[in-house]
Amino acid sequence: MIARMWRGWVHTDRLAEYVDIVEGTGMSEYRATPGNQGAQLLTRDLGDGRTELITLSWWDDLDVIRAFAGDDIEKAKYYPEDDEFLFDRETTVSHFEVQPGGESALSAAARRS
């Protein structure tokens, strides 16, 4: 299993609106892709008017990530609405191999997402 992570930053006063957009675009597209095992959107108020967002998703393997992201799986995928909300973002994503023992906890988390 592969974990895929991306980070971006929004103004805190626009967070709720942007969360709705992300859930309706990227997160729902993650979850609809065969081989995706779940996805969560994490947020963290930085206390200075900025909020950090992290998308974290779990995938069967790199091939199913390619089905979602295209051949360059390191390149972050954006939607037209993102430009209105994100004042900073990572242009790449990180991939991590989920080690044995972590998959059962991830499966439970994916069922809740």
PDB file of N, CA and C in Angstrom:
ATOM      1  N   MET A   1       0.851  -1.183   0.000  1.00  0.00           N
ATOM      2  CA  MET A   1       0.000   0.000   0.000  1.00  0.00           C
ATOM      3  C   MET A   1       0.890   1.237   0.000  1.00  0.00           C
ATOM      4  N   ILE A   2       0.413   2.266  -0.696  1.00  0.00           N
ATOM      5  CA  ILE A   2       1.142   3.533  -0.812  1.00  0.00           C
ATOM      6  C   ILE A   2       0.290   4.652  -0.218  1.00  0.00           C
ATOM      7  N   ALA A   3       0.895   5.481   0.620  1.00  0.00           N
ATOM      8  CA  ALA A   3       0.251   6.697   1.125  1.00  0.00           C
ATOM      9  C   ALA A   3       0.732   7.867   0.267  1.00  0.00           C
ATOM     10  N   ARG A   4      -0.191   8.732  -0.104  1.00  0.00           N
ATOM     11  CA  ARG A   4       0.105   9.902  -0.943  1.00  0.00           C
ATOM     12  C   ARG A   4      -0.288  11.144  -0.146  1.00  0.00           C
ATOM     13  N   MET A   5       0.641  12.125  -0.059  1.00  0.00           N
ATOM     14  CA  MET A   5       0.404  13.306   0.768  1.00  0.00           C
ATOM     15  C   MET A   5       0.721  14.582  -0.003  1.00  0.00           C
ATOM     16  N   TRP A   6      -0.152  15.570   0.153  1.00  0.00           N
ATOM     17  CA  TRP A   6       0.031  16.902  -0.440  1.00  0.00           C
ATOM     18  C   TRP A   6      -0.321  17.949   0.609  1.00  0.00           C
ATOM     19  N   ARG A   7       0.344  19.145   0.506  1.00  0.00           N
ATOM     20  CA  ARG A   7       0.074  20.243   1.446  1.00  0.00           C
ATOM     21  C   ARG A   7      -0.179  21.548   0.705  1.00  0.00           C
ATOM     22  N   GLY A   8      -1.080  22.350   1.278  1.00  0.00           N
ATOM     23  CA  GLY A   8      -1.358  23.687   0.773  1.00  0.00           C
ATOM     24  C   GLY A   8      -1.771  24.583   1.931  1.00  0.00           C
ATOM     25  N   TRP A   9      -1.900  25.885   1.654  1.00  0.00           N
ATOM     26  CA  TRP A   9      -2.231  26.858   2.694  1.00  0.00           C
ATOM     27  C   TRP A   9      -3.298  27.815   2.192  1.00  0.00           C
ATOM     28  N   VAL A  10      -4.280  28.087   3.062  1.00  0.00           N
ATOM     29  CA  VAL A  10      -5.364  29.022   2.762  1.00  0.00           C
ATOM     30  C   VAL A  10      -5.474  30.014   3.913  1.00  0.00           C
ATOM     31  N   HIS A  11      -6.159  31.130   3.630  1.00  0.00           N
ATOM     32  CA  HIS A  11      -6.482  32.058   4.710  1.00  0.00           C
ATOM     33  C   HIS A  11      -7.560  31.399   5.567  1.00  0.00           C
ATOM     34  N   THR A  12      -7.386  31.432   6.865  1.00  0.00           N
ATOM     35  CA  THR A  12      -8.270  30.730   7.792  1.00  0.00           C
ATOM     36  C   THR A  12      -9.729  31.113   7.607  1.00  0.00           C
ATOM     37  N   ASP A  13      -9.998  32.380   7.315  1.00  0.00           N
ATOM     38  CA  ASP A  13     -11.390  32.804   7.165  1.00  0.00           C
ATOM     39  C   ASP A  13     -12.068  32.223   5.919  1.00  0.00           C
ATOM     40  N   ARG A  14     -11.311  31.558   5.051  1.00  0.00           N
ATOM     41  CA  ARG A  14     -11.879  30.932   3.851  1.00  0.00           C
ATOM     42  C   ARG A  14     -11.812  29.401   3.923  1.00  0.00           C
ATOM     43  N   LEU A  15     -11.391  28.877   5.068  1.00  0.00           N
ATOM     44  CA  LEU A  15     -11.179  27.444   5.195  1.00  0.00           C
ATOM     45  C   LEU A  15     -12.445  26.628   4.938  1.00  0.00           C
ATOM     46  N   ALA A  16     -13.544  26.961   5.594  1.00  0.00           N
ATOM     47  CA  ALA A  16     -14.764  26.150   5.465  1.00  0.00           C
ATOM     48  C   ALA A  16     -15.218  26.069   4.016  1.00  0.00           C
ATOM     49  N   GLU A  17     -15.160  27.186   3.323  1.00  0.00           N
ATOM     50  CA  GLU A  17     -15.562  27.206   1.920  1.00  0.00           C
ATOM     51  C   GLU A  17     -14.631  26.333   1.065  1.00  0.00           C
ATOM     52  N   TYR A  18     -13.330  26.419   1.339  1.00  0.00           N
ATOM     53  CA  TYR A  18     -12.387  25.637   0.548  1.00  0.00           C
ATOM     54  C   TYR A  18     -12.483  24.144   0.863  1.00  0.00           C
ATOM     55  N   VAL A  19     -12.717  23.795   2.109  1.00  0.00           N
ATOM     56  CA  VAL A  19     -12.891  22.380   2.468  1.00  0.00           C
ATOM     57  C   VAL A  19     -14.036  21.782   1.668  1.00  0.00           C
ATOM     58  N   ASP A  20     -15.138  22.504   1.536  1.00  0.00           N
ATOM     59  CA  ASP A  20     -16.264  22.011   0.736  1.00  0.00           C
ATOM     60  C   ASP A  20     -15.845  21.780  -0.715  1.00  0.00           C
ATOM     61  N   ILE A  21     -15.053  22.680  -1.258  1.00  0.00           N
ATOM     62  CA  ILE A  21     -14.594  22.542  -2.641  1.00  0.00           C
ATOM     63  C   ILE A  21     -13.678  21.329  -2.789  1.00  0.00           C
ATOM     64  N   VAL A  22     -12.723  21.178  -1.871  1.00  0.00           N
ATOM     65  CA  VAL A  22     -11.791  20.049  -1.945  1.00  0.00           C
ATOM     66  C   VAL A  22     -12.545  18.727  -1.818  1.00  0.00           C
ATOM     67  N   GLU A  23     -13.507  18.666  -0.922  1.00  0.00           N
ATOM     68  CA  GLU A  23     -14.284  17.440  -0.765  1.00  0.00           C
ATOM     69  C   GLU A  23     -15.054  17.113  -2.049  1.00  0.00           C
ATOM     70  N   GLY A  24     -15.522  18.144  -2.755  1.00  0.00           N
ATOM     71  CA  GLY A  24     -16.283  17.922  -3.973  1.00  0.00           C
ATOM     72  C   GLY A  24     -15.443  17.677  -5.213  1.00  0.00           C
ATOM     73  N   THR A  25     -14.147  17.952  -5.126  1.00  0.00           N
ATOM     74  CA  THR A  25     -13.275  17.758  -6.294  1.00  0.00           C
ATOM     75  C   THR A  25     -12.285  16.635  -6.002  1.00  0.00           C
ATOM     76  N   GLY A  26     -11.122  16.980  -5.499  1.00  0.00           N
ATOM     77  CA  GLY A  26     -10.043  16.016  -5.328  1.00  0.00           C
ATOM     78  C   GLY A  26     -10.365  14.843  -4.431  1.00  0.00           C
ATOM     79  N   MET A  27     -10.971  15.107  -3.286  1.00  0.00           N
ATOM     80  CA  MET A  27     -11.235  14.006  -2.354  1.00  0.00           C
ATOM     81  C   MET A  27     -12.241  13.016  -2.936  1.00  0.00           C
ATOM     82  N   SER A  28     -13.292  13.527  -3.569  1.00  0.00           N
ATOM     83  CA  SER A  28     -14.268  12.602  -4.152  1.00  0.00           C
ATOM     84  C   SER A  28     -13.673  11.867  -5.350  1.00  0.00           C
ATOM     85  N   GLU A  29     -12.780  12.533  -6.098  1.00  0.00           N
ATOM     86  CA  GLU A  29     -12.131  11.850  -7.217  1.00  0.00           C
ATOM     87  C   GLU A  29     -11.164  10.780  -6.717  1.00  0.00           C
ATOM     88  N   TYR A  30     -10.417  11.078  -5.631  1.00  0.00           N
ATOM     89  CA  TYR A  30      -9.568  10.039  -5.021  1.00  0.00           C
ATOM     90  C   TYR A  30     -10.410   8.797  -4.743  1.00  0.00           C
ATOM     91  N   ARG A  31     -11.478   9.014  -3.969  1.00  0.00           N
ATOM     92  CA  ARG A  31     -12.283   7.906  -3.462  1.00  0.00           C
ATOM     93  C   ARG A  31     -12.980   7.123  -4.567  1.00  0.00           C
ATOM     94  N   ALA A  32     -13.233   7.761  -5.706  1.00  0.00           N
ATOM     95  CA  ALA A  32     -13.916   7.093  -6.816  1.00  0.00           C
ATOM     96  C   ALA A  32     -12.953   6.316  -7.717  1.00  0.00           C
ATOM     97  N   THR A  33     -11.650   6.493  -7.522  1.00  0.00           N
ATOM     98  CA  THR A  33     -10.668   5.815  -8.370  1.00  0.00           C
ATOM     99  C   THR A  33     -10.472   4.383  -7.879  1.00  0.00           C
ATOM    100  N   PRO A  34     -10.671   3.397  -8.765  1.00  0.00           N
ATOM    101  CA  PRO A  34     -10.428   2.009  -8.360  1.00  0.00           C
ATOM    102  C   PRO A  34      -8.998   1.843  -7.836  1.00  0.00           C
ATOM    103  N   GLY A  35      -8.866   1.181  -6.698  1.00  0.00           N
ATOM    104  CA  GLY A  35      -7.562   0.988  -6.071  1.00  0.00           C
ATOM    105  C   GLY A  35      -7.259   1.994  -4.980  1.00  0.00           C
ATOM    106  N   ASN A  36      -8.120   2.997  -4.811  1.00  0.00           N
ATOM    107  CA  ASN A  36      -7.971   3.918  -3.687  1.00  0.00           C
ATOM    108  C   ASN A  36      -8.610   3.270  -2.477  1.00  0.00           C
ATOM    109  N   GLN A  37      -7.900   3.310  -1.352  1.00  0.00           N
ATOM    110  CA  GLN A  37      -8.372   2.680  -0.121  1.00  0.00           C
ATOM    111  C   GLN A  37      -8.884   3.682   0.904  1.00  0.00           C
ATOM    112  N   GLY A  38      -8.994   4.949   0.516  1.00  0.00           N
ATOM    113  CA  GLY A  38      -9.509   5.968   1.421  1.00  0.00           C
ATOM    114  C   GLY A  38      -8.709   7.244   1.321  1.00  0.00           C
ATOM    115  N   ALA A  39      -9.298   8.310   1.843  1.00  0.00           N
ATOM    116  CA  ALA A  39      -8.647   9.618   1.811  1.00  0.00           C
ATOM    117  C   ALA A  39      -9.201  10.482   2.928  1.00  0.00           C
ATOM    118  N   GLN A  40      -8.342  11.281   3.499  1.00  0.00           N
ATOM    119  CA  GLN A  40      -8.737  12.248   4.518  1.00  0.00           C
ATOM    120  C   GLN A  40      -8.158  13.617   4.180  1.00  0.00           C
ATOM    121  N   LEU A  41      -8.851  14.644   4.645  1.00  0.00           N
ATOM    122  CA  LEU A  41      -8.376  16.017   4.548  1.00  0.00           C
ATOM    123  C   LEU A  41      -8.085  16.484   5.965  1.00  0.00           C
ATOM    124  N   LEU A  42      -6.852  16.857   6.217  1.00  0.00           N
ATOM    125  CA  LEU A  42      -6.427  17.330   7.535  1.00  0.00           C
ATOM    126  C   LEU A  42      -6.212  18.834   7.470  1.00  0.00           C
ATOM    127  N   THR A  43      -6.563  19.543   8.530  1.00  0.00           N
ATOM    128  CA  THR A  43      -6.327  20.984   8.598  1.00  0.00           C
ATOM    129  C   THR A  43      -5.674  21.332   9.926  1.00  0.00           C
ATOM    130  N   ARG A  44      -4.891  22.416   9.881  1.00  0.00           N
ATOM    131  CA  ARG A  44      -4.216  22.885  11.094  1.00  0.00           C
ATOM    132  C   ARG A  44      -4.163  24.399  11.061  1.00  0.00           C
ATOM    133  N   ASP A  45      -4.842  25.042  12.026  1.00  0.00           N
ATOM    134  CA  ASP A  45      -4.825  26.490  12.155  1.00  0.00           C
ATOM    135  C   ASP A  45      -3.451  26.896  12.681  1.00  0.00           C
ATOM    136  N   LEU A  46      -2.749  27.715  11.917  1.00  0.00           N
ATOM    137  CA  LEU A  46      -1.400  28.123  12.308  1.00  0.00           C
ATOM    138  C   LEU A  46      -1.396  29.323  13.249  1.00  0.00           C
ATOM    139  N   GLY A  47      -2.587  29.886  13.537  1.00  0.00           N
ATOM    140  CA  GLY A  47      -2.699  30.947  14.530  1.00  0.00           C
ATOM    141  C   GLY A  47      -2.351  32.333  14.033  1.00  0.00           C
ATOM    142  N   ASP A  48      -2.044  32.465  12.766  1.00  0.00           N
ATOM    143  CA  ASP A  48      -1.663  33.769  12.226  1.00  0.00           C
ATOM    144  C   ASP A  48      -2.502  34.145  11.005  1.00  0.00           C
ATOM    145  N   GLY A  49      -3.698  33.566  10.936  1.00  0.00           N
ATOM    146  CA  GLY A  49      -4.568  33.836   9.804  1.00  0.00           C
ATOM    147  C   GLY A  49      -4.403  32.846   8.665  1.00  0.00           C
ATOM    148  N   ARG A  50      -3.501  31.899   8.832  1.00  0.00           N
ATOM    149  CA  ARG A  50      -3.273  30.865   7.816  1.00  0.00           C
ATOM    150  C   ARG A  50      -3.673  29.507   8.372  1.00  0.00           C
ATOM    151  N   THR A  51      -4.161  28.663   7.484  1.00  0.00           N
ATOM    152  CA  THR A  51      -4.450  27.280   7.840  1.00  0.00           C
ATOM    153  C   THR A  51      -3.775  26.377   6.824  1.00  0.00           C
ATOM    154  N   GLU A  52      -3.082  25.388   7.342  1.00  0.00           N
ATOM    155  CA  GLU A  52      -2.427  24.386   6.506  1.00  0.00           C
ATOM    156  C   GLU A  52      -3.409  23.250   6.248  1.00  0.00           C
ATOM    157  N   LEU A  53      -3.426  22.759   5.016  1.00  0.00           N
ATOM    158  CA  LEU A  53      -4.242  21.608   4.653  1.00  0.00           C
ATOM    159  C   LEU A  53      -3.318  20.497   4.176  1.00  0.00           C
ATOM    160  N   ILE A  54      -3.674  19.281   4.512  1.00  0.00           N
ATOM    161  CA  ILE A  54      -2.958  18.110   4.011  1.00  0.00           C
ATOM    162  C   ILE A  54      -4.005  17.146   3.470  1.00  0.00           C
ATOM    163  N   THR A  55      -3.791  16.682   2.244  1.00  0.00           N
ATOM    164  CA  THR A  55      -4.595  15.566   1.766  1.00  0.00           C
ATOM    165  C   THR A  55      -3.743  14.326   1.919  1.00  0.00           C
ATOM    166  N   LEU A  56      -4.354  13.302   2.481  1.00  0.00           N
ATOM    167  CA  LEU A  56      -3.681  12.040   2.723  1.00  0.00           C
ATOM    168  C   LEU A  56      -4.575  10.937   2.171  1.00  0.00           C
ATOM    169  N   SER A  57      -4.021  10.167   1.255  1.00  0.00           N
ATOM    170  CA  SER A  57      -4.812   9.100   0.633  1.00  0.00           C
ATOM    171  C   SER A  57      -3.985   7.830   0.567  1.00  0.00           C
ATOM    172  N   TRP A  58      -4.704   6.701   0.509  1.00  0.00           N
ATOM    173  CA  TRP A  58      -4.051   5.394   0.493  1.00  0.00           C
ATOM    174  C   TRP A  58      -4.448   4.658  -0.772  1.00  0.00           C
ATOM    175  N   TRP A  59      -3.450   4.033  -1.401  1.00  0.00           N
ATOM    176  CA  TRP A  59      -3.611   3.427  -2.714  1.00  0.00           C
ATOM    177  C   TRP A  59      -3.009   2.027  -2.714  1.00  0.00           C
ATOM    178  N   ASP A  60      -3.570   1.152  -3.549  1.00  0.00           N
ATOM    179  CA  ASP A  60      -3.055  -0.212  -3.641  1.00  0.00           C
ATOM    180  C   ASP A  60      -1.607  -0.248  -4.105  1.00  0.00           C
ATOM    181  N   ASP A  61      -1.281   0.565  -5.117  1.00  0.00           N
ATOM    182  CA  ASP A  61       0.085   0.579  -5.660  1.00  0.00           C
ATOM    183  C   ASP A  61       0.261   1.811  -6.543  1.00  0.00           C
ATOM    184  N   LEU A  62       1.459   1.971  -7.079  1.00  0.00           N
ATOM    185  CA  LEU A  62       1.762   3.147  -7.895  1.00  0.00           C
ATOM    186  C   LEU A  62       0.970   3.169  -9.197  1.00  0.00           C
ATOM    187  N   ASP A  63       0.619   2.020  -9.736  1.00  0.00           N
ATOM    188  CA  ASP A  63      -0.150   1.984 -10.982  1.00  0.00           C
ATOM    189  C   ASP A  63      -1.533   2.603 -10.812  1.00  0.00           C
ATOM    190  N   VAL A  64      -2.182   2.359  -9.682  1.00  0.00           N
ATOM    191  CA  VAL A  64      -3.503   2.965  -9.485  1.00  0.00           C
ATOM    192  C   VAL A  64      -3.385   4.464  -9.225  1.00  0.00           C
ATOM    193  N   ILE A  65      -2.269   4.894  -8.656  1.00  0.00           N
ATOM    194  CA  ILE A  65      -2.038   6.342  -8.519  1.00  0.00           C
ATOM    195  C   ILE A  65      -1.896   6.962  -9.903  1.00  0.00           C
ATOM    196  N   ARG A  66      -1.194   6.280 -10.812  1.00  0.00           N
ATOM    197  CA  ARG A  66      -1.068   6.787 -12.190  1.00  0.00           C
ATOM    198  C   ARG A  66      -2.437   6.924 -12.856  1.00  0.00           C
ATOM    199  N   ALA A  67      -3.348   6.016 -12.569  1.00  0.00           N
ATOM    200  CA  ALA A  67      -4.698   6.104 -13.136  1.00  0.00           C
ATOM    201  C   ALA A  67      -5.396   7.382 -12.683  1.00  0.00           C
ATOM    202  N   PHE A  68      -5.085   7.836 -11.475  1.00  0.00           N
ATOM    203  CA  PHE A  68      -5.659   9.079 -10.954  1.00  0.00           C
ATOM    204  C   PHE A  68      -4.871  10.297 -11.427  1.00  0.00           C
ATOM    205  N   ALA A  69      -3.547  10.257 -11.291  1.00  0.00           N
ATOM    206  CA  ALA A  69      -2.715  11.451 -11.430  1.00  0.00           C
ATOM    207  C   ALA A  69      -2.046  11.604 -12.794  1.00  0.00           C
ATOM    208  N   GLY A  70      -1.994  10.537 -13.586  1.00  0.00           N
ATOM    209  CA  GLY A  70      -1.251  10.585 -14.835  1.00  0.00           C
ATOM    210  C   GLY A  70       0.141  10.005 -14.639  1.00  0.00           C
ATOM    211  N   ASP A  71       0.933  10.034 -15.702  1.00  0.00           N
ATOM    212  CA  ASP A  71       2.253   9.401 -15.667  1.00  0.00           C
ATOM    213  C   ASP A  71       3.205  10.024 -14.658  1.00  0.00           C
ATOM    214  N   ASP A  72       3.143  11.344 -14.477  1.00  0.00           N
ATOM    215  CA  ASP A  72       4.030  12.021 -13.525  1.00  0.00           C
ATOM    216  C   ASP A  72       3.331  12.072 -12.166  1.00  0.00           C
ATOM    217  N   ILE A  73       3.453  10.993 -11.408  1.00  0.00           N
ATOM    218  CA  ILE A  73       2.718  10.901 -10.143  1.00  0.00           C
ATOM    219  C   ILE A  73       3.258  11.840  -9.066  1.00  0.00           C
ATOM    220  N   GLU A  74       4.430  12.409  -9.277  1.00  0.00           N
ATOM    221  CA  GLU A  74       4.995  13.343  -8.300  1.00  0.00           C
ATOM    222  C   GLU A  74       4.392  14.743  -8.441  1.00  0.00           C
ATOM    223  N   LYS A  75       3.777  15.029  -9.572  1.00  0.00           N
ATOM    224  CA  LYS A  75       3.200  16.347  -9.824  1.00  0.00           C
ATOM    225  C   LYS A  75       1.823  16.432  -9.177  1.00  0.00           C
ATOM    226  N   ALA A  76       1.599  17.480  -8.393  1.00  0.00           N
ATOM    227  CA  ALA A  76       0.300  17.672  -7.744  1.00  0.00           C
ATOM    228  C   ALA A  76      -0.769  17.966  -8.791  1.00  0.00           C
ATOM    229  N   LYS A  77      -1.959  17.467  -8.543  1.00  0.00           N
ATOM    230  CA  LYS A  77      -3.088  17.686  -9.436  1.00  0.00           C
ATOM    231  C   LYS A  77      -3.956  18.791  -8.846  1.00  0.00           C
ATOM    232  N   TYR A  78      -4.274  19.797  -9.664  1.00  0.00           N
ATOM    233  CA  TYR A  78      -5.073  20.927  -9.196  1.00  0.00           C
ATOM    234  C   TYR A  78      -6.345  21.059 -10.010  1.00  0.00           C
ATOM    235  N   TYR A  79      -7.304  21.755  -9.435  1.00  0.00           N
ATOM    236  CA  TYR A  79      -8.592  22.027 -10.055  1.00  0.00           C
ATOM    237  C   TYR A  79      -8.721  23.537 -10.211  1.00  0.00           C
ATOM    238  N   PRO A  80      -9.546  24.020 -11.151  1.00  0.00           N
ATOM    239  CA  PRO A  80      -9.627  25.468 -11.394  1.00  0.00           C
ATOM    240  C   PRO A  80      -9.937  26.282 -10.137  1.00  0.00           C
ATOM    241  N   GLU A  81     -10.758  25.769  -9.241  1.00  0.00           N
ATOM    242  CA  GLU A  81     -11.141  26.510  -8.032  1.00  0.00           C
ATOM    243  C   GLU A  81      -9.977  26.730  -7.070  1.00  0.00           C
ATOM    244  N   ASP A  82      -8.952  25.902  -7.148  1.00  0.00           N
ATOM    245  CA  ASP A  82      -7.840  25.998  -6.201  1.00  0.00           C
ATOM    246  C   ASP A  82      -7.143  27.352  -6.247  1.00  0.00           C
ATOM    247  N   ASP A  83      -7.022  27.926  -7.433  1.00  0.00           N
ATOM    248  CA  ASP A  83      -6.304  29.199  -7.576  1.00  0.00           C
ATOM    249  C   ASP A  83      -6.949  30.326  -6.781  1.00  0.00           C
ATOM    250  N   GLU A  84      -8.257  30.273  -6.599  1.00  0.00           N
ATOM    251  CA  GLU A  84      -8.958  31.316  -5.860  1.00  0.00           C
ATOM    252  C   GLU A  84      -8.677  31.259  -4.359  1.00  0.00           C
ATOM    253  N   PHE A  85      -8.344  30.092  -3.843  1.00  0.00           N
ATOM    254  CA  PHE A  85      -8.237  29.905  -2.400  1.00  0.00           C
ATOM    255  C   PHE A  85      -6.809  29.725  -1.888  1.00  0.00           C
ATOM    256  N   LEU A  86      -5.993  29.009  -2.606  1.00  0.00           N
ATOM    257  CA  LEU A  86      -4.645  28.699  -2.116  1.00  0.00           C
ATOM    258  C   LEU A  86      -3.713  29.880  -2.333  1.00  0.00           C
ATOM    259  N   PHE A  87      -3.083  30.344  -1.255  1.00  0.00           N
ATOM    260  CA  PHE A  87      -2.075  31.382  -1.443  1.00  0.00           C
ATOM    261  C   PHE A  87      -0.675  30.788  -1.478  1.00  0.00           C
ATOM    262  N   ASP A  88      -0.561  29.517  -1.113  1.00  0.00           N
ATOM    263  CA  ASP A  88       0.698  28.781  -1.252  1.00  0.00           C
ATOM    264  C   ASP A  88       0.354  27.302  -1.329  1.00  0.00           C
ATOM    265  N   ARG A  89       1.199  26.534  -2.018  1.00  0.00           N
ATOM    266  CA  ARG A  89       0.929  25.106  -2.198  1.00  0.00           C
ATOM    267  C   ARG A  89       2.196  24.393  -2.615  1.00  0.00           C
ATOM    268  N   GLU A  90       2.250  23.140  -2.291  1.00  0.00           N
ATOM    269  CA  GLU A  90       3.319  22.303  -2.811  1.00  0.00           C
ATOM    270  C   GLU A  90       2.939  21.916  -4.232  1.00  0.00           C
ATOM    271  N   THR A  91       3.910  21.936  -5.122  1.00  0.00           N
ATOM    272  CA  THR A  91       3.636  21.561  -6.513  1.00  0.00           C
ATOM    273  C   THR A  91       3.882  20.077  -6.751  1.00  0.00           C
ATOM    274  N   THR A  92       4.423  19.421  -5.747  1.00  0.00           N
ATOM    275  CA  THR A  92       4.645  17.981  -5.835  1.00  0.00           C
ATOM    276  C   THR A  92       3.948  17.305  -4.662  1.00  0.00           C
ATOM    277  N   VAL A  93       3.779  16.008  -4.779  1.00  0.00           N
ATOM    278  CA  VAL A  93       3.221  15.211  -3.694  1.00  0.00           C
ATOM    279  C   VAL A  93       4.286  14.222  -3.239  1.00  0.00           C
ATOM    280  N   SER A  94       4.117  13.706  -2.042  1.00  0.00           N
ATOM    281  CA  SER A  94       5.035  12.711  -1.497  1.00  0.00           C
ATOM    282  C   SER A  94       4.322  11.374  -1.431  1.00  0.00           C
ATOM    283  N   HIS A  95       5.083  10.318  -1.680  1.00  0.00           N
ATOM    284  CA  HIS A  95       4.550   8.957  -1.600  1.00  0.00           C
ATOM    285  C   HIS A  95       5.359   8.175  -0.580  1.00  0.00           C
ATOM    286  N   PHE A  96       4.658   7.380   0.217  1.00  0.00           N
ATOM    287  CA  PHE A  96       5.285   6.594   1.266  1.00  0.00           C
ATOM    288  C   PHE A  96       4.768   5.173   1.189  1.00  0.00           C
ATOM    289  N   GLU A  97       5.646   4.211   1.381  1.00  0.00           N
ATOM    290  CA  GLU A  97       5.204   2.825   1.485  1.00  0.00           C
ATOM    291  C   GLU A  97       4.672   2.599   2.895  1.00  0.00           C
ATOM    292  N   VAL A  98       3.473   2.034   2.978  1.00  0.00           N
ATOM    293  CA  VAL A  98       2.876   1.703   4.269  1.00  0.00           C
ATOM    294  C   VAL A  98       3.447   0.358   4.685  1.00  0.00           C
ATOM    295  N   GLN A  99       4.043   0.335   5.846  1.00  0.00           N
ATOM    296  CA  GLN A  99       4.720  -0.873   6.321  1.00  0.00           C
ATOM    297  C   GLN A  99       3.730  -1.865   6.909  1.00  0.00           C
ATOM    298  N   PRO A 100       4.067  -3.142   6.881  1.00  0.00           N
ATOM    299  CA  PRO A 100       3.175  -4.168   7.450  1.00  0.00           C
ATOM    300  C   PRO A 100       2.784  -3.811   8.882  1.00  0.00           C
ATOM    301  N   GLY A 101       1.543  -4.073   9.198  1.00  0.00           N
ATOM    302  CA  GLY A 101       1.019  -3.741  10.522  1.00  0.00           C
ATOM    303  C   GLY A 101       0.229  -2.450  10.498  1.00  0.00           C
ATOM    304  N   GLY A 102       0.604  -1.511   9.635  1.00  0.00           N
ATOM    305  CA  GLY A 102      -0.123  -0.256   9.518  1.00  0.00           C
ATOM    306  C   GLY A 102      -1.353  -0.362   8.642  1.00  0.00           C
ATOM    307  N   GLU A 103      -1.420  -1.400   7.819  1.00  0.00           N
ATOM    308  CA  GLU A 103      -2.530  -1.512   6.881  1.00  0.00           C
ATOM    309  C   GLU A 103      -3.852  -1.788   7.571  1.00  0.00           C
ATOM    310  N   SER A 104      -3.867  -2.534   8.660  1.00  0.00           N
ATOM    311  CA  SER A 104      -5.134  -2.817   9.310  1.00  0.00           C
ATOM    312  C   SER A 104      -5.721  -1.540   9.914  1.00  0.00           C
ATOM    313  N   ALA A 105      -4.886  -0.691  10.480  1.00  0.00           N
ATOM    314  CA  ALA A 105      -5.379   0.589  11.019  1.00  0.00           C
ATOM    315  C   ALA A 105      -5.859   1.483   9.888  1.00  0.00           C
ATOM    316  N   LEU A 106      -5.156   1.470   8.753  1.00  0.00           N
ATOM    317  CA  LEU A 106      -5.570   2.278   7.617  1.00  0.00           C
ATOM    318  C   LEU A 106      -6.893   1.784   7.042  1.00  0.00           C
ATOM    319  N   SER A 107      -7.084   0.481   7.023  1.00  0.00           N
ATOM    320  CA  SER A 107      -8.337  -0.063   6.502  1.00  0.00           C
ATOM    321  C   SER A 107      -9.512   0.420   7.346  1.00  0.00           C
ATOM    322  N   ALA A 108      -9.332   0.454   8.650  1.00  0.00           N
ATOM    323  CA  ALA A 108     -10.394   0.946   9.535  1.00  0.00           C
ATOM    324  C   ALA A 108     -10.643   2.433   9.282  1.00  0.00           C
ATOM    325  N   ALA A 109      -9.578   3.212   9.101  1.00  0.00           N
ATOM    326  CA  ALA A 109      -9.729   4.636   8.825  1.00  0.00           C
ATOM    327  C   ALA A 109     -10.403   4.860   7.478  1.00  0.00           C
ATOM    328  N   ALA A 110     -10.063   4.057   6.492  1.00  0.00           N
ATOM    329  CA  ALA A 110     -10.658   4.208   5.163  1.00  0.00           C
ATOM    330  C   ALA A 110     -12.148   3.913   5.211  1.00  0.00           C
ATOM    331  N   ARG A 111     -12.558   2.972   5.998  1.00  0.00           N
ATOM    332  CA  ARG A 111     -13.997   2.664   6.105  1.00  0.00           C
ATOM    333  C   ARG A 111     -14.768   3.828   6.697  1.00  0.00           C
ATOM    334  N   ARG A 112     -14.111   4.647   7.542  1.00  0.00           N
ATOM    335  CA  ARG A 112     -14.776   5.793   8.156  1.00  0.00           C
ATOM    336  C   ARG A 112     -14.786   6.994   7.230  1.00  0.00           C
ATOM    337  N   SER A 113     -13.914   7.023   6.197  1.00  0.00           N
ATOM    338  CA  SER A 113     -13.824   8.221   5.346  1.00  0.00           C
ATOM    339  C   SER A 113     -14.932   8.299   4.329  1.00  0.00           C
TER     340      SER A 113
END
